[in-house]
C-alpha atoms as a PDB file:
ATOM      1  CA  MET A   1     160.988 101.586  84.725  1.00  0.00           C
ATOM      2  CA  THR A   2     162.308 100.926  81.193  1.00  0.00           C
ATOM      3  CA  ARG A   3     160.516  98.289  79.545  1.00  0.00           C
ATOM      4  CA  GLN A   4     162.391  96.891  76.679  1.00  0.00           C
ATOM      5  CA  SER A   5     162.075  94.388  73.704  1.00  0.00           C
ATOM      6  CA  LEU A   6     163.276  93.485  70.689  1.00  0.00           C
ATOM      7  CA  VAL A   7     160.446  93.476  67.506  1.00  0.00           C
ATOM      8  CA  ASP A   8     160.543  92.757  63.852  1.00  0.00           C
ATOM      9  CA  ASP A   9     158.630  96.525  62.972  1.00  0.00           C
ATOM     10  CA  PRO A  10     157.904  99.010  65.040  1.00  0.00           C
ATOM     11  CA  PRO A  11     154.277  99.729  65.855  1.00  0.00           C
ATOM     12  CA  THR A  12     152.238 102.796  63.510  1.00  0.00           C
ATOM     13  CA  GLY A  13     149.559 105.072  63.655  1.00  0.00           C
ATOM     14  CA  ASP A  14     150.666 105.788  67.661  1.00  0.00           C
ATOM     15  CA  GLY A  15     152.328 109.124  67.684  1.00  0.00           C
ATOM     16  CA  TYR A  16     155.005 110.836  64.989  1.00  0.00           C
ATOM     17  CA  ARG A  17     157.687 108.847  63.712  1.00  0.00           C
ATOM     18  CA  THR A  18     161.001 110.856  64.128  1.00  0.00           C
ATOM     19  CA  GLU A  19     164.592 110.529  64.107  1.00  0.00           C
ATOM     20  CA  LEU A  20     166.644 112.315  66.431  1.00  0.00           C
ATOM     21  CA  ILE A  21     169.928 113.660  64.938  1.00  0.00           C
ATOM     22  CA  ILE A  22     172.961 114.005  67.507  1.00  0.00           C
ATOM     23  CA  GLU A  23     176.219 115.890  67.126  1.00  0.00           C
ATOM     24  CA  HIS A  24     178.807 117.396  68.899  1.00  0.00           C
ATOM     25  CA  GLY A  25     176.597 118.058  72.187  1.00  0.00           C
ATOM     26  CA  GLU A  26     173.672 118.929  70.373  1.00  0.00           C
ATOM     27  CA  ALA A  27     170.278 117.376  69.089  1.00  0.00           C
ATOM     28  CA  ARG A  28     167.703 117.736  66.445  1.00  0.00           C
ATOM     29  CA  ALA A  29     164.529 115.503  65.488  1.00  0.00           C
ATOM     30  CA  PHE A  30     163.454 115.266  62.205  1.00  0.00           C
ATOM     31  CA  THR A  31     159.956 113.779  61.070  1.00  0.00           C
ATOM     32  CA  ARG A  32     159.938 110.970  58.737  1.00  0.00           C
ATOM     33  CA  ARG A  33     159.540 113.789  55.536  1.00  0.00           C
ATOM     34  CA  GLY A  34     162.088 115.530  56.944  1.00  0.00           C
ATOM     35  CA  PHE A  35     160.502 118.692  59.120  1.00  0.00           C
ATOM     36  CA  ASP A  36     162.480 119.851  61.745  1.00  0.00           C
ATOM     37  CA  TRP A  37     160.377 119.675  64.736  1.00  0.00           C
ATOM     38  CA  THR A  38     163.146 120.064  67.436  1.00  0.00           C
ATOM     39  CA  GLU A  39     161.397 123.366  69.060  1.00  0.00           C
ATOM     40  CA  LYS A  40     158.453 120.559  69.363  1.00  0.00           C
ATOM     41  CA  TYR A  41     160.324 118.503  71.227  1.00  0.00           C
ATOM     42  CA  CYS A  42     162.098 120.321  73.317  1.00  0.00           C
ATOM     43  CA  PRO A  43     162.419 118.141  76.521  1.00  0.00           C
ATOM     44  CA  ILE A  44     163.699 114.801  73.772  1.00  0.00           C
ATOM     45  CA  VAL A  45     165.894 117.204  72.558  1.00  0.00           C
ATOM     46  CA  GLU A  46     167.728 118.751  75.324  1.00  0.00           C
ATOM     47  CA  ALA A  47     167.616 114.708  76.545  1.00  0.00           C
ATOM     48  CA  ALA A  48     169.080 113.115  73.604  1.00  0.00           C
ATOM     49  CA  ALA A  49     171.636 115.978  73.345  1.00  0.00           C
ATOM     50  CA  ALA A  50     172.836 114.676  77.177  1.00  0.00           C
ATOM     51  CA  LEU A  51     173.893 111.348  76.140  1.00  0.00           C
ATOM     52  CA  PRO A  52     176.966 109.627  75.521  1.00  0.00           C
ATOM     53  CA  ALA A  53     177.126 109.459  72.421  1.00  0.00           C
ATOM     54  CA  LYS A  54     179.968 112.063  69.737  1.00  0.00           C
ATOM     55  CA  ALA A  55     176.934 111.747  66.987  1.00  0.00           C
ATOM     56  CA  ALA A  56     174.548 109.258  66.474  1.00  0.00           C
ATOM     57  CA  ILE A  57     171.256 109.157  64.384  1.00  0.00           C
ATOM     58  CA  ILE A  58     168.432 107.306  66.488  1.00  0.00           C
ATOM     59  CA  ASP A  59     164.832 106.524  64.850  1.00  0.00           C
ATOM     60  CA  GLY A  60     162.157 106.001  66.497  1.00  0.00           C
ATOM     61  CA  GLU A  61     158.179 107.663  67.402  1.00  0.00           C
ATOM     62  CA  VAL A  62     157.462 110.342  69.997  1.00  0.00           C
ATOM     63  CA  VAL A  63     154.251 109.305  71.436  1.00  0.00           C
ATOM     64  CA  VAL A  64     152.089 110.247  74.705  1.00  0.00           C
ATOM     65  CA  LEU A  65     150.146 108.721  77.258  1.00  0.00           C
ATOM     66  CA  ASN A  66     147.225 108.325  78.847  1.00  0.00           C
ATOM     67  CA  ASP A  67     145.926 107.531  82.438  1.00  0.00           C
ATOM     68  CA  ALA A  68     146.102 103.691  81.465  1.00  0.00           C
ATOM     69  CA  GLU A  69     149.676 104.223  80.405  1.00  0.00           C
ATOM     70  CA  LEU A  70     148.359 103.665  76.784  1.00  0.00           C
ATOM     71  CA  THR A  71     149.482 105.661  73.664  1.00  0.00           C
ATOM     72  CA  ASP A  72     147.103 108.102  72.972  1.00  0.00           C
ATOM     73  CA  PHE A  73     147.947 109.640  69.572  1.00  0.00           C
ATOM     74  CA  SER A  74     144.799 111.897  69.960  1.00  0.00           C
ATOM     75  CA  SER A  75     146.456 114.086  73.126  1.00  0.00           C
ATOM     76  CA  LEU A  76     149.886 114.442  70.902  1.00  0.00           C
ATOM     77  CA  LYS A  77     149.270 117.438  69.378  1.00  0.00           C
ATOM     78  CA  SER A  78     147.956 119.173  72.335  1.00  0.00           C
ATOM     79  CA  ALA A  79     150.703 117.686  74.432  1.00  0.00           C
ATOM     80  CA  MET A  80     153.206 118.948  72.145  1.00  0.00           C
ATOM     81  CA  ARG A  81     151.883 122.542  72.443  1.00  0.00           C
ATOM     82  CA  TRP A  82     150.741 122.851  75.938  1.00  0.00           C
ATOM     83  CA  GLN A  83     152.406 119.829  78.037  1.00  0.00           C
ATOM     84  CA  PRO A  84     155.530 119.044  76.176  1.00  0.00           C
ATOM     85  CA  ASN A  85     156.790 117.207  79.061  1.00  0.00           C
ATOM     86  CA  ARG A  86     154.484 114.696  78.832  1.00  0.00           C
ATOM     87  CA  LEU A  87     156.126 113.822  75.240  1.00  0.00           C
ATOM     88  CA  ILE A  88     157.831 110.067  75.081  1.00  0.00           C
ATOM     89  CA  PHE A  89     160.271 108.827  72.769  1.00  0.00           C
ATOM     90  CA  VAL A  90     160.185 105.395  71.958  1.00  0.00           C
ATOM     91  CA  ALA A  91     163.594 104.924  69.963  1.00  0.00           C
ATOM     92  CA  PHE A  92     163.407 101.603  67.492  1.00  0.00           C
ATOM     93  CA  ASP A  93     166.805 101.977  66.481  1.00  0.00           C
ATOM     94  CA  LEU A  94     170.220 102.632  66.827  1.00  0.00           C
ATOM     95  CA  LEU A  95     170.864 103.609  62.920  1.00  0.00           C
ATOM     96  CA  HIS A  96     174.781 105.477  63.318  1.00  0.00           C
ATOM     97  CA  LEU A  97     176.843 105.483  66.426  1.00  0.00           C
ATOM     98  CA  ASN A  98     179.994 107.848  66.622  1.00  0.00           C
ATOM     99  CA  GLY A  99     180.905 107.488  62.645  1.00  0.00           C
ATOM    100  CA  THR A 100     179.596 104.176  62.224  1.00  0.00           C
ATOM    101  CA  ASP A 101     176.736 103.462  59.763  1.00  0.00           C
ATOM    102  CA  LEU A 102     175.198 100.231  62.079  1.00  0.00           C
ATOM    103  CA  ARG A 103     172.081  99.896  59.389  1.00  0.00           C
ATOM    104  CA  SER A 104     173.837  96.845  58.057  1.00  0.00           C
ATOM    105  CA  ARG A 105     174.111  95.247  61.053  1.00  0.00           C
ATOM    106  CA  SER A 106     171.609  93.152  63.055  1.00  0.00           C
ATOM    107  CA  ALA A 107     169.171  94.294  65.299  1.00  0.00           C
ATOM    108  CA  ILE A 108     170.946  92.586  67.936  1.00  0.00           C
ATOM    109  CA  GLU A 109     173.873  94.060  67.651  1.00  0.00           C
ATOM    110  CA  ARG A 110     171.919  97.512  67.297  1.00  0.00           C
END
């Protein structure tokens, strides 16, 4: 099930802030400090590359859920190494799409 809701600010401290960059059928993942974590987020990057966009920048956070379906920051590093299929990308914002900078538009338009 996909849950969607519009909020003013993204949550903090539950995962690793990440930007997905999609270009020409390929995707890369970067931390907020600019480190390339494409290899660490392989399942997420593969899914992003399959999106129907020529180019996009998506801002979000990578998280892992526990058995109660709550984010579990303490399990995130282990999941990155041993269970990468547990990683979930929670998108906050679509910053750029197919040559158009969307940052000046309202959150609802994006």
